[in-house]
Amino acid sequence: MKKRIRREAFPSLAAFLRGYLHEDFLEEHGSLRGAVEAFCRDASVDERRQLVAELEALLRTLHDHPPRELRRFVTAELGSRWEPGSREELAGLLELVRAAGP
């Protein structure tokens, strides 16, 4: 049985996506990596840790959901203009955040 994904469970992720992966993120940051690096420069250690925790939780929650549901949730529910095509791309975002901060 699929676990329901709730937007309210991911406030830090929603704030990150809206603040850094918005419609102009490529022009502003150049790439996904650039947006993550900008976030990590701006965020506190606790904010980075919370984002990592929420990305990990989302990956666990999505283990049995198709990629289109991931894409819809990240864009429509959380407000991102970055559209992950797979759990692997979301895991790549998690690894970028982990690598960019303490």
PDB file of N, CA and C in Angstrom:
ATOM      1  N   MET A   1       0.837  -1.187   0.000  1.00  0.00           N
ATOM      2  CA  MET A   1       0.000   0.000   0.000  1.00  0.00           C
ATOM      3  C   MET A   1       0.879   1.247   0.000  1.00  0.00           C
ATOM      4  N   LYS A   2       0.552   2.181  -0.869  1.00  0.00           N
ATOM      5  CA  LYS A   2       1.331   3.414  -0.963  1.00  0.00           C
ATOM      6  C   LYS A   2       1.056   4.315   0.229  1.00  0.00           C
ATOM      7  N   LYS A   3       2.122   4.892   0.739  1.00  0.00           N
ATOM      8  CA  LYS A   3       1.999   5.861   1.811  1.00  0.00           C
ATOM      9  C   LYS A   3       1.660   7.215   1.196  1.00  0.00           C
ATOM     10  N   ARG A   4       0.676   7.903   1.765  1.00  0.00           N
ATOM     11  CA  ARG A   4       0.264   9.214   1.261  1.00  0.00           C
ATOM     12  C   ARG A   4       1.361  10.234   1.546  1.00  0.00           C
ATOM     13  N   ILE A   5       1.655  11.041   0.571  1.00  0.00           N
ATOM     14  CA  ILE A   5       2.668  12.077   0.719  1.00  0.00           C
ATOM     15  C   ILE A   5       1.955  13.359   1.127  1.00  0.00           C
ATOM     16  N   ARG A   6       2.388  13.938   2.230  1.00  0.00           N
ATOM     17  CA  ARG A   6       1.752  15.155   2.744  1.00  0.00           C
ATOM     18  C   ARG A   6       2.721  16.322   2.680  1.00  0.00           C
ATOM     19  N   ARG A   7       2.296  17.387   2.037  1.00  0.00           N
ATOM     20  CA  ARG A   7       3.116  18.595   1.895  1.00  0.00           C
ATOM     21  C   ARG A   7       3.560  19.127   3.257  1.00  0.00           C
ATOM     22  N   GLU A   8       2.689  19.054   4.238  1.00  0.00           N
ATOM     23  CA  GLU A   8       2.978  19.591   5.568  1.00  0.00           C
ATOM     24  C   GLU A   8       4.172  18.907   6.236  1.00  0.00           C
ATOM     25  N   ALA A   9       4.523  17.728   5.788  1.00  0.00           N
ATOM     26  CA  ALA A   9       5.643  16.991   6.367  1.00  0.00           C
ATOM     27  C   ALA A   9       6.996  17.502   5.870  1.00  0.00           C
ATOM     28  N   PHE A  10       7.003  18.430   4.900  1.00  0.00           N
ATOM     29  CA  PHE A  10       8.244  18.859   4.265  1.00  0.00           C
ATOM     30  C   PHE A  10       8.387  20.384   4.203  1.00  0.00           C
ATOM     31  N   PRO A  11       8.257  21.089   5.328  1.00  0.00           N
ATOM     32  CA  PRO A  11       8.326  22.558   5.275  1.00  0.00           C
ATOM     33  C   PRO A  11       9.688  23.099   4.842  1.00  0.00           C
ATOM     34  N   SER A  12      10.757  22.487   5.286  1.00  0.00           N
ATOM     35  CA  SER A  12      12.093  22.962   4.898  1.00  0.00           C
ATOM     36  C   SER A  12      12.367  22.691   3.426  1.00  0.00           C
ATOM     37  N   LEU A  13      11.949  21.547   2.956  1.00  0.00           N
ATOM     38  CA  LEU A  13      12.126  21.216   1.544  1.00  0.00           C
ATOM     39  C   LEU A  13      11.312  22.177   0.673  1.00  0.00           C
ATOM     40  N   ALA A  14      10.078  22.454   1.077  1.00  0.00           N
ATOM     41  CA  ALA A  14       9.253  23.395   0.313  1.00  0.00           C
ATOM     42  C   ALA A  14       9.910  24.775   0.271  1.00  0.00           C
ATOM     43  N   ALA A  15      10.426  25.233   1.411  1.00  0.00           N
ATOM     44  CA  ALA A  15      11.083  26.551   1.454  1.00  0.00           C
ATOM     45  C   ALA A  15      12.323  26.563   0.562  1.00  0.00           C
ATOM     46  N   PHE A  16      13.113  25.489   0.598  1.00  0.00           N
ATOM     47  CA  PHE A  16      14.294  25.397  -0.253  1.00  0.00           C
ATOM     48  C   PHE A  16      13.904  25.419  -1.737  1.00  0.00           C
ATOM     49  N   LEU A  17      12.928  24.609  -2.111  1.00  0.00           N
ATOM     50  CA  LEU A  17      12.525  24.523  -3.516  1.00  0.00           C
ATOM     51  C   LEU A  17      11.976  25.848  -4.026  1.00  0.00           C
ATOM     52  N   ARG A  18      11.152  26.501  -3.230  1.00  0.00           N
ATOM     53  CA  ARG A  18      10.578  27.790  -3.651  1.00  0.00           C
ATOM     54  C   ARG A  18      11.630  28.891  -3.669  1.00  0.00           C
ATOM     55  N   GLY A  19      12.565  28.825  -2.738  1.00  0.00           N
ATOM     56  CA  GLY A  19      13.566  29.881  -2.633  1.00  0.00           C
ATOM     57  C   GLY A  19      14.752  29.736  -3.565  1.00  0.00           C
ATOM     58  N   TYR A  20      15.078  28.502  -3.938  1.00  0.00           N
ATOM     59  CA  TYR A  20      16.296  28.275  -4.719  1.00  0.00           C
ATOM     60  C   TYR A  20      16.063  27.551  -6.040  1.00  0.00           C
ATOM     61  N   LEU A  21      14.999  26.776  -6.158  1.00  0.00           N
ATOM     62  CA  LEU A  21      14.725  26.060  -7.410  1.00  0.00           C
ATOM     63  C   LEU A  21      13.441  26.587  -8.042  1.00  0.00           C
ATOM     64  N   HIS A  22      13.341  27.899  -8.096  1.00  0.00           N
ATOM     65  CA  HIS A  22      12.197  28.605  -8.660  1.00  0.00           C
ATOM     66  C   HIS A  22      12.362  28.722 -10.165  1.00  0.00           C
ATOM     67  N   GLU A  23      11.451  29.470 -10.794  1.00  0.00           N
ATOM     68  CA  GLU A  23      11.443  29.545 -12.272  1.00  0.00           C
ATOM     69  C   GLU A  23      12.717  30.147 -12.855  1.00  0.00           C
ATOM     70  N   ASP A  24      13.460  30.927 -12.086  1.00  0.00           N
ATOM     71  CA  ASP A  24      14.700  31.541 -12.588  1.00  0.00           C
ATOM     72  C   ASP A  24      15.969  30.899 -12.023  1.00  0.00           C
ATOM     73  N   PHE A  25      15.855  29.689 -11.485  1.00  0.00           N
ATOM     74  CA  PHE A  25      17.024  29.123 -10.811  1.00  0.00           C
ATOM     75  C   PHE A  25      18.202  28.903 -11.750  1.00  0.00           C
ATOM     76  N   LEU A  26      17.951  28.543 -12.992  1.00  0.00           N
ATOM     77  CA  LEU A  26      19.078  28.334 -13.909  1.00  0.00           C
ATOM     78  C   LEU A  26      19.771  29.652 -14.242  1.00  0.00           C
ATOM     79  N   GLU A  27      18.997  30.699 -14.448  1.00  0.00           N
ATOM     80  CA  GLU A  27      19.585  32.010 -14.728  1.00  0.00           C
ATOM     81  C   GLU A  27      20.316  32.551 -13.490  1.00  0.00           C
ATOM     82  N   GLU A  28      19.729  32.343 -12.326  1.00  0.00           N
ATOM     83  CA  GLU A  28      20.295  32.888 -11.090  1.00  0.00           C
ATOM     84  C   GLU A  28      21.488  32.083 -10.569  1.00  0.00           C
ATOM     85  N   HIS A  29      21.390  30.750 -10.646  1.00  0.00           N
ATOM     86  CA  HIS A  29      22.411  29.893 -10.045  1.00  0.00           C
ATOM     87  C   HIS A  29      23.214  29.071 -11.058  1.00  0.00           C
ATOM     88  N   GLY A  30      22.752  29.002 -12.292  1.00  0.00           N
ATOM     89  CA  GLY A  30      23.478  28.289 -13.336  1.00  0.00           C
ATOM     90  C   GLY A  30      23.207  26.807 -13.426  1.00  0.00           C
ATOM     91  N   SER A  31      22.852  26.195 -12.307  1.00  0.00           N
ATOM     92  CA  SER A  31      22.633  24.745 -12.282  1.00  0.00           C
ATOM     93  C   SER A  31      21.994  24.354 -10.953  1.00  0.00           C
ATOM     94  N   LEU A  32      21.605  23.110 -10.880  1.00  0.00           N
ATOM     95  CA  LEU A  32      21.104  22.560  -9.619  1.00  0.00           C
ATOM     96  C   LEU A  32      22.183  22.670  -8.544  1.00  0.00           C
ATOM     97  N   ARG A  33      23.398  22.304  -8.887  1.00  0.00           N
ATOM     98  CA  ARG A  33      24.521  22.392  -7.947  1.00  0.00           C
ATOM     99  C   ARG A  33      24.715  23.827  -7.456  1.00  0.00           C
ATOM    100  N   GLY A  34      24.635  24.789  -8.356  1.00  0.00           N
ATOM    101  CA  GLY A  34      24.784  26.185  -7.975  1.00  0.00           C
ATOM    102  C   GLY A  34      23.707  26.631  -7.000  1.00  0.00           C
ATOM    103  N   ALA A  35      22.472  26.178  -7.209  1.00  0.00           N
ATOM    104  CA  ALA A  35      21.378  26.515  -6.298  1.00  0.00           C
ATOM    105  C   ALA A  35      21.617  25.902  -4.917  1.00  0.00           C
ATOM    106  N   VAL A  36      22.080  24.660  -4.886  1.00  0.00           N
ATOM    107  CA  VAL A  36      22.372  24.004  -3.608  1.00  0.00           C
ATOM    108  C   VAL A  36      23.508  24.725  -2.895  1.00  0.00           C
ATOM    109  N   GLU A  37      24.540  25.099  -3.619  1.00  0.00           N
ATOM    110  CA  GLU A  37      25.660  25.815  -3.000  1.00  0.00           C
ATOM    111  C   GLU A  37      25.212  27.161  -2.437  1.00  0.00           C
ATOM    112  N   ALA A  38      24.321  27.871  -3.152  1.00  0.00           N
ATOM    113  CA  ALA A  38      23.800  29.143  -2.653  1.00  0.00           C
ATOM    114  C   ALA A  38      22.994  28.918  -1.373  1.00  0.00           C
ATOM    115  N   PHE A  39      22.157  27.892  -1.364  1.00  0.00           N
ATOM    116  CA  PHE A  39      21.400  27.567  -0.156  1.00  0.00           C
ATOM    117  C   PHE A  39      22.339  27.289   1.009  1.00  0.00           C
ATOM    118  N   CYS A  40      23.349  26.482   0.777  1.00  0.00           N
ATOM    119  CA  CYS A  40      24.256  26.098   1.863  1.00  0.00           C
ATOM    120  C   CYS A  40      25.058  27.291   2.385  1.00  0.00           C
ATOM    121  N   ARG A  41      25.336  28.266   1.534  1.00  0.00           N
ATOM    122  CA  ARG A  41      25.994  29.499   2.001  1.00  0.00           C
ATOM    123  C   ARG A  41      25.045  30.321   2.880  1.00  0.00           C
ATOM    124  N   ASP A  42      23.775  30.335   2.508  1.00  0.00           N
ATOM    125  CA  ASP A  42      22.789  31.162   3.201  1.00  0.00           C
ATOM    126  C   ASP A  42      22.219  30.514   4.458  1.00  0.00           C
ATOM    127  N   ALA A  43      22.169  29.201   4.501  1.00  0.00           N
ATOM    128  CA  ALA A  43      21.457  28.479   5.557  1.00  0.00           C
ATOM    129  C   ALA A  43      22.347  28.213   6.769  1.00  0.00           C
ATOM    130  N   SER A  44      21.689  28.062   7.893  1.00  0.00           N
ATOM    131  CA  SER A  44      22.388  27.651   9.113  1.00  0.00           C
ATOM    132  C   SER A  44      22.646  26.142   9.056  1.00  0.00           C
ATOM    133  N   VAL A  45      23.478  25.653   9.930  1.00  0.00           N
ATOM    134  CA  VAL A  45      23.733  24.216  10.017  1.00  0.00           C
ATOM    135  C   VAL A  45      22.429  23.473  10.287  1.00  0.00           C
ATOM    136  N   ASP A  46      21.609  23.996  11.192  1.00  0.00           N
ATOM    137  CA  ASP A  46      20.336  23.346  11.506  1.00  0.00           C
ATOM    138  C   ASP A  46      19.406  23.323  10.299  1.00  0.00           C
ATOM    139  N   GLU A  47      19.378  24.380   9.511  1.00  0.00           N
ATOM    140  CA  GLU A  47      18.535  24.411   8.311  1.00  0.00           C
ATOM    141  C   GLU A  47      19.013  23.389   7.288  1.00  0.00           C
ATOM    142  N   ARG A  48      20.315  23.257   7.137  1.00  0.00           N
ATOM    143  CA  ARG A  48      20.853  22.241   6.210  1.00  0.00           C
ATOM    144  C   ARG A  48      20.517  20.836   6.703  1.00  0.00           C
ATOM    145  N   ARG A  49      20.666  20.600   7.996  1.00  0.00           N
ATOM    146  CA  ARG A  49      20.345  19.273   8.556  1.00  0.00           C
ATOM    147  C   ARG A  49      18.872  18.944   8.374  1.00  0.00           C
ATOM    148  N   GLN A  50      18.003  19.936   8.581  1.00  0.00           N
ATOM    149  CA  GLN A  50      16.569  19.707   8.413  1.00  0.00           C
ATOM    150  C   GLN A  50      16.240  19.382   6.958  1.00  0.00           C
ATOM    151  N   LEU A  51      16.873  20.069   6.026  1.00  0.00           N
ATOM    152  CA  LEU A  51      16.645  19.774   4.614  1.00  0.00           C
ATOM    153  C   LEU A  51      17.086  18.352   4.289  1.00  0.00           C
ATOM    154  N   VAL A  52      18.241  17.942   4.785  1.00  0.00           N
ATOM    155  CA  VAL A  52      18.716  16.571   4.567  1.00  0.00           C
ATOM    156  C   VAL A  52      17.713  15.572   5.134  1.00  0.00           C
ATOM    157  N   ALA A  53      17.235  15.813   6.347  1.00  0.00           N
ATOM    158  CA  ALA A  53      16.278  14.898   6.986  1.00  0.00           C
ATOM    159  C   ALA A  53      14.990  14.790   6.162  1.00  0.00           C
ATOM    160  N   GLU A  54      14.515  15.914   5.648  1.00  0.00           N
ATOM    161  CA  GLU A  54      13.282  15.880   4.860  1.00  0.00           C
ATOM    162  C   GLU A  54      13.486  15.210   3.509  1.00  0.00           C
ATOM    163  N   LEU A  55      14.621  15.418   2.879  1.00  0.00           N
ATOM    164  CA  LEU A  55      14.903  14.719   1.621  1.00  0.00           C
ATOM    165  C   LEU A  55      14.985  13.213   1.852  1.00  0.00           C
ATOM    166  N   GLU A  56      15.636  12.803   2.926  1.00  0.00           N
ATOM    167  CA  GLU A  56      15.707  11.373   3.259  1.00  0.00           C
ATOM    168  C   GLU A  56      14.311  10.805   3.496  1.00  0.00           C
ATOM    169  N   ALA A  57      13.477  11.542   4.237  1.00  0.00           N
ATOM    170  CA  ALA A  57      12.111  11.083   4.512  1.00  0.00           C
ATOM    171  C   ALA A  57      11.293  10.983   3.232  1.00  0.00           C
ATOM    172  N   LEU A  58      11.443  11.954   2.338  1.00  0.00           N
ATOM    173  CA  LEU A  58      10.705  11.907   1.078  1.00  0.00           C
ATOM    174  C   LEU A  58      11.138  10.712   0.241  1.00  0.00           C
ATOM    175  N   LEU A  59      12.422  10.439   0.202  1.00  0.00           N
ATOM    176  CA  LEU A  59      12.901   9.269  -0.548  1.00  0.00           C
ATOM    177  C   LEU A  59      12.326   7.972   0.024  1.00  0.00           C
ATOM    178  N   ARG A  60      12.274   7.869   1.347  1.00  0.00           N
ATOM    179  CA  ARG A  60      11.678   6.669   1.966  1.00  0.00           C
ATOM    180  C   ARG A  60      10.197   6.569   1.621  1.00  0.00           C
ATOM    181  N   THR A  61       9.501   7.686   1.681  1.00  0.00           N
ATOM    182  CA  THR A  61       8.066   7.708   1.414  1.00  0.00           C
ATOM    183  C   THR A  61       7.763   7.339  -0.030  1.00  0.00           C
ATOM    184  N   LEU A  62       8.638   7.732  -0.939  1.00  0.00           N
ATOM    185  CA  LEU A  62       8.389   7.538  -2.368  1.00  0.00           C
ATOM    186  C   LEU A  62       8.846   6.186  -2.909  1.00  0.00           C
ATOM    187  N   HIS A  63       9.293   5.295  -2.062  1.00  0.00           N
ATOM    188  CA  HIS A  63       9.882   4.056  -2.579  1.00  0.00           C
ATOM    189  C   HIS A  63       8.946   3.264  -3.487  1.00  0.00           C
ATOM    190  N   ASP A  64       7.624   3.398  -3.311  1.00  0.00           N
ATOM    191  CA  ASP A  64       6.704   2.637  -4.163  1.00  0.00           C
ATOM    192  C   ASP A  64       5.803   3.531  -5.020  1.00  0.00           C
ATOM    193  N   HIS A  65       6.211   4.774  -5.216  1.00  0.00           N
ATOM    194  CA  HIS A  65       5.452   5.702  -6.055  1.00  0.00           C
ATOM    195  C   HIS A  65       6.141   5.845  -7.418  1.00  0.00           C
ATOM    196  N   PRO A  66       5.360   5.978  -8.487  1.00  0.00           N
ATOM    197  CA  PRO A  66       5.971   6.163  -9.811  1.00  0.00           C
ATOM    198  C   PRO A  66       6.598   7.557  -9.942  1.00  0.00           C
ATOM    199  N   PRO A  67       7.565   7.706 -10.857  1.00  0.00           N
ATOM    200  CA  PRO A  67       8.242   8.988 -11.045  1.00  0.00           C
ATOM    201  C   PRO A  67       7.302  10.156 -11.311  1.00  0.00           C
ATOM    202  N   ARG A  68       6.205   9.941 -11.998  1.00  0.00           N
ATOM    203  CA  ARG A  68       5.286  11.053 -12.282  1.00  0.00           C
ATOM    204  C   ARG A  68       4.700  11.619 -10.992  1.00  0.00           C
ATOM    205  N   GLU A  69       4.471  10.775  -9.982  1.00  0.00           N
ATOM    206  CA  GLU A  69       3.962  11.262  -8.701  1.00  0.00           C
ATOM    207  C   GLU A  69       5.021  12.087  -7.978  1.00  0.00           C
ATOM    208  N   LEU A  70       6.259  11.669  -8.051  1.00  0.00           N
ATOM    209  CA  LEU A  70       7.360  12.440  -7.475  1.00  0.00           C
ATOM    210  C   LEU A  70       7.415  13.816  -8.135  1.00  0.00           C
ATOM    211  N   ARG A  71       7.420  13.835  -9.454  1.00  0.00           N
ATOM    212  CA  ARG A  71       7.490  15.088 -10.207  1.00  0.00           C
ATOM    213  C   ARG A  71       6.321  16.010  -9.852  1.00  0.00           C
ATOM    214  N   ARG A  72       5.114  15.457  -9.814  1.00  0.00           N
ATOM    215  CA  ARG A  72       3.933  16.246  -9.482  1.00  0.00           C
ATOM    216  C   ARG A  72       4.021  16.790  -8.059  1.00  0.00           C
ATOM    217  N   PHE A  73       4.438  15.971  -7.121  1.00  0.00           N
ATOM    218  CA  PHE A  73       4.524  16.421  -5.731  1.00  0.00           C
ATOM    219  C   PHE A  73       5.545  17.546  -5.584  1.00  0.00           C
ATOM    220  N   VAL A  74       6.709  17.376  -6.166  1.00  0.00           N
ATOM    221  CA  VAL A  74       7.777  18.378  -6.035  1.00  0.00           C
ATOM    222  C   VAL A  74       7.394  19.682  -6.722  1.00  0.00           C
ATOM    223  N   THR A  75       6.730  19.604  -7.854  1.00  0.00           N
ATOM    224  CA  THR A  75       6.379  20.834  -8.572  1.00  0.00           C
ATOM    225  C   THR A  75       5.064  21.435  -8.078  1.00  0.00           C
ATOM    226  N   ALA A  76       3.992  20.677  -8.106  1.00  0.00           N
ATOM    227  CA  ALA A  76       2.669  21.220  -7.773  1.00  0.00           C
ATOM    228  C   ALA A  76       2.479  21.438  -6.280  1.00  0.00           C
ATOM    229  N   GLU A  77       2.929  20.513  -5.470  1.00  0.00           N
ATOM    230  CA  GLU A  77       2.704  20.611  -4.023  1.00  0.00           C
ATOM    231  C   GLU A  77       3.764  21.455  -3.317  1.00  0.00           C
ATOM    232  N   LEU A  78       5.021  21.300  -3.725  1.00  0.00           N
ATOM    233  CA  LEU A  78       6.102  21.986  -3.012  1.00  0.00           C
ATOM    234  C   LEU A  78       6.582  23.253  -3.715  1.00  0.00           C
ATOM    235  N   GLY A  79       6.166  23.482  -4.940  1.00  0.00           N
ATOM    236  CA  GLY A  79       6.455  24.735  -5.613  1.00  0.00           C
ATOM    237  C   GLY A  79       7.776  24.850  -6.341  1.00  0.00           C
ATOM    238  N   SER A  80       8.367  23.735  -6.712  1.00  0.00           N
ATOM    239  CA  SER A  80       9.643  23.759  -7.429  1.00  0.00           C
ATOM    240  C   SER A  80       9.439  23.896  -8.930  1.00  0.00           C
ATOM    241  N   ARG A  81      10.404  24.515  -9.600  1.00  0.00           N
ATOM    242  CA  ARG A  81      10.421  24.500 -11.066  1.00  0.00           C
ATOM    243  C   ARG A  81      11.427  23.453 -11.562  1.00  0.00           C
ATOM    244  N   TRP A  82      12.231  22.933 -10.680  1.00  0.00           N
ATOM    245  CA  TRP A  82      13.073  21.777 -10.997  1.00  0.00           C
ATOM    246  C   TRP A  82      12.170  20.558 -10.948  1.00  0.00           C
ATOM    247  N   GLU A  83      12.244  19.727 -11.961  1.00  0.00           N
ATOM    248  CA  GLU A  83      11.376  18.559 -12.068  1.00  0.00           C
ATOM    249  C   GLU A  83      12.196  17.279 -12.050  1.00  0.00           C
ATOM    250  N   PRO A  84      12.335  16.659 -10.891  1.00  0.00           N
ATOM    251  CA  PRO A  84      13.083  15.394 -10.849  1.00  0.00           C
ATOM    252  C   PRO A  84      12.348  14.314 -11.630  1.00  0.00           C
ATOM    253  N   GLY A  85      13.076  13.612 -12.461  1.00  0.00           N
ATOM    254  CA  GLY A  85      12.480  12.567 -13.285  1.00  0.00           C
ATOM    255  C   GLY A  85      12.490  11.196 -12.642  1.00  0.00           C
ATOM    256  N   SER A  86      13.155  11.093 -11.485  1.00  0.00           N
ATOM    257  CA  SER A  86      13.270   9.786 -10.837  1.00  0.00           C
ATOM    258  C   SER A  86      13.687   9.969  -9.383  1.00  0.00           C
ATOM    259  N   ARG A  87      13.560   8.886  -8.633  1.00  0.00           N
ATOM    260  CA  ARG A  87      14.048   8.888  -7.248  1.00  0.00           C
ATOM    261  C   ARG A  87      15.558   9.112  -7.240  1.00  0.00           C
ATOM    262  N   GLU A  88      16.246   8.626  -8.252  1.00  0.00           N
ATOM    263  CA  GLU A  88      17.699   8.787  -8.329  1.00  0.00           C
ATOM    264  C   GLU A  88      18.080  10.262  -8.437  1.00  0.00           C
ATOM    265  N   GLU A  89      17.298  11.030  -9.197  1.00  0.00           N
ATOM    266  CA  GLU A  89      17.586  12.466  -9.294  1.00  0.00           C
ATOM    267  C   GLU A  89      17.350  13.160  -7.959  1.00  0.00           C
ATOM    268  N   LEU A  90      16.310  12.751  -7.242  1.00  0.00           N
ATOM    269  CA  LEU A  90      16.057  13.302  -5.905  1.00  0.00           C
ATOM    270  C   LEU A  90      17.183  12.893  -4.958  1.00  0.00           C
ATOM    271  N   ALA A  91      17.654  11.658  -5.070  1.00  0.00           N
ATOM    272  CA  ALA A  91      18.784  11.206  -4.254  1.00  0.00           C
ATOM    273  C   ALA A  91      20.041  11.999  -4.605  1.00  0.00           C
ATOM    274  N   GLY A  92      20.194  12.365  -5.873  1.00  0.00           N
ATOM    275  CA  GLY A  92      21.324  13.202  -6.287  1.00  0.00           C
ATOM    276  C   GLY A  92      21.271  14.573  -5.639  1.00  0.00           C
ATOM    277  N   LEU A  93      20.058  15.136  -5.527  1.00  0.00           N
ATOM    278  CA  LEU A  93      19.899  16.411  -4.826  1.00  0.00           C
ATOM    279  C   LEU A  93      20.318  16.260  -3.364  1.00  0.00           C
ATOM    280  N   LEU A  94      19.894  15.189  -2.742  1.00  0.00           N
ATOM    281  CA  LEU A  94      20.284  14.917  -1.351  1.00  0.00           C
ATOM    282  C   LEU A  94      21.802  14.859  -1.228  1.00  0.00           C
ATOM    283  N   GLU A  95      22.456  14.181  -2.127  1.00  0.00           N
ATOM    284  CA  GLU A  95      23.913  14.068  -2.058  1.00  0.00           C
ATOM    285  C   GLU A  95      24.599  15.416  -2.269  1.00  0.00           C
ATOM    286  N   LEU A  96      24.042  16.251  -3.147  1.00  0.00           N
ATOM    287  CA  LEU A  96      24.599  17.597  -3.333  1.00  0.00           C
ATOM    288  C   LEU A  96      24.511  18.407  -2.046  1.00  0.00           C
ATOM    289  N   VAL A  97      23.371  18.331  -1.363  1.00  0.00           N
ATOM    290  CA  VAL A  97      23.196  19.062  -0.115  1.00  0.00           C
ATOM    291  C   VAL A  97      24.175  18.538   0.938  1.00  0.00           C
ATOM    292  N   ARG A  98      24.288  17.224   1.036  1.00  0.00           N
ATOM    293  CA  ARG A  98      25.218  16.632   2.003  1.00  0.00           C
ATOM    294  C   ARG A  98      26.664  17.070   1.727  1.00  0.00           C
ATOM    295  N   ALA A  99      27.044  17.090   0.450  1.00  0.00           N
ATOM    296  CA  ALA A  99      28.417  17.417   0.079  1.00  0.00           C
ATOM    297  C   ALA A  99      28.730  18.891   0.262  1.00  0.00           C
ATOM    298  N   ALA A 100      27.727  19.759   0.133  1.00  0.00           N
ATOM    299  CA  ALA A 100      27.970  21.203   0.185  1.00  0.00           C
ATOM    300  C   ALA A 100      28.012  21.766   1.602  1.00  0.00           C
ATOM    301  N   GLY A 101      27.470  21.034   2.561  1.00  0.00           N
ATOM    302  CA  GLY A 101      27.425  21.568   3.918  1.00  0.00           C
ATOM    303  C   GLY A 101      28.064  20.625   4.925  1.00  0.00           C
ATOM    304  N   PRO A 102      28.200  21.120   6.159  1.00  0.00           N
ATOM    305  CA  PRO A 102      28.799  20.266   7.200  1.00  0.00           C
ATOM    306  C   PRO A 102      27.896  19.128   7.632  1.00  0.00           C
TER     307      PRO A 102
END
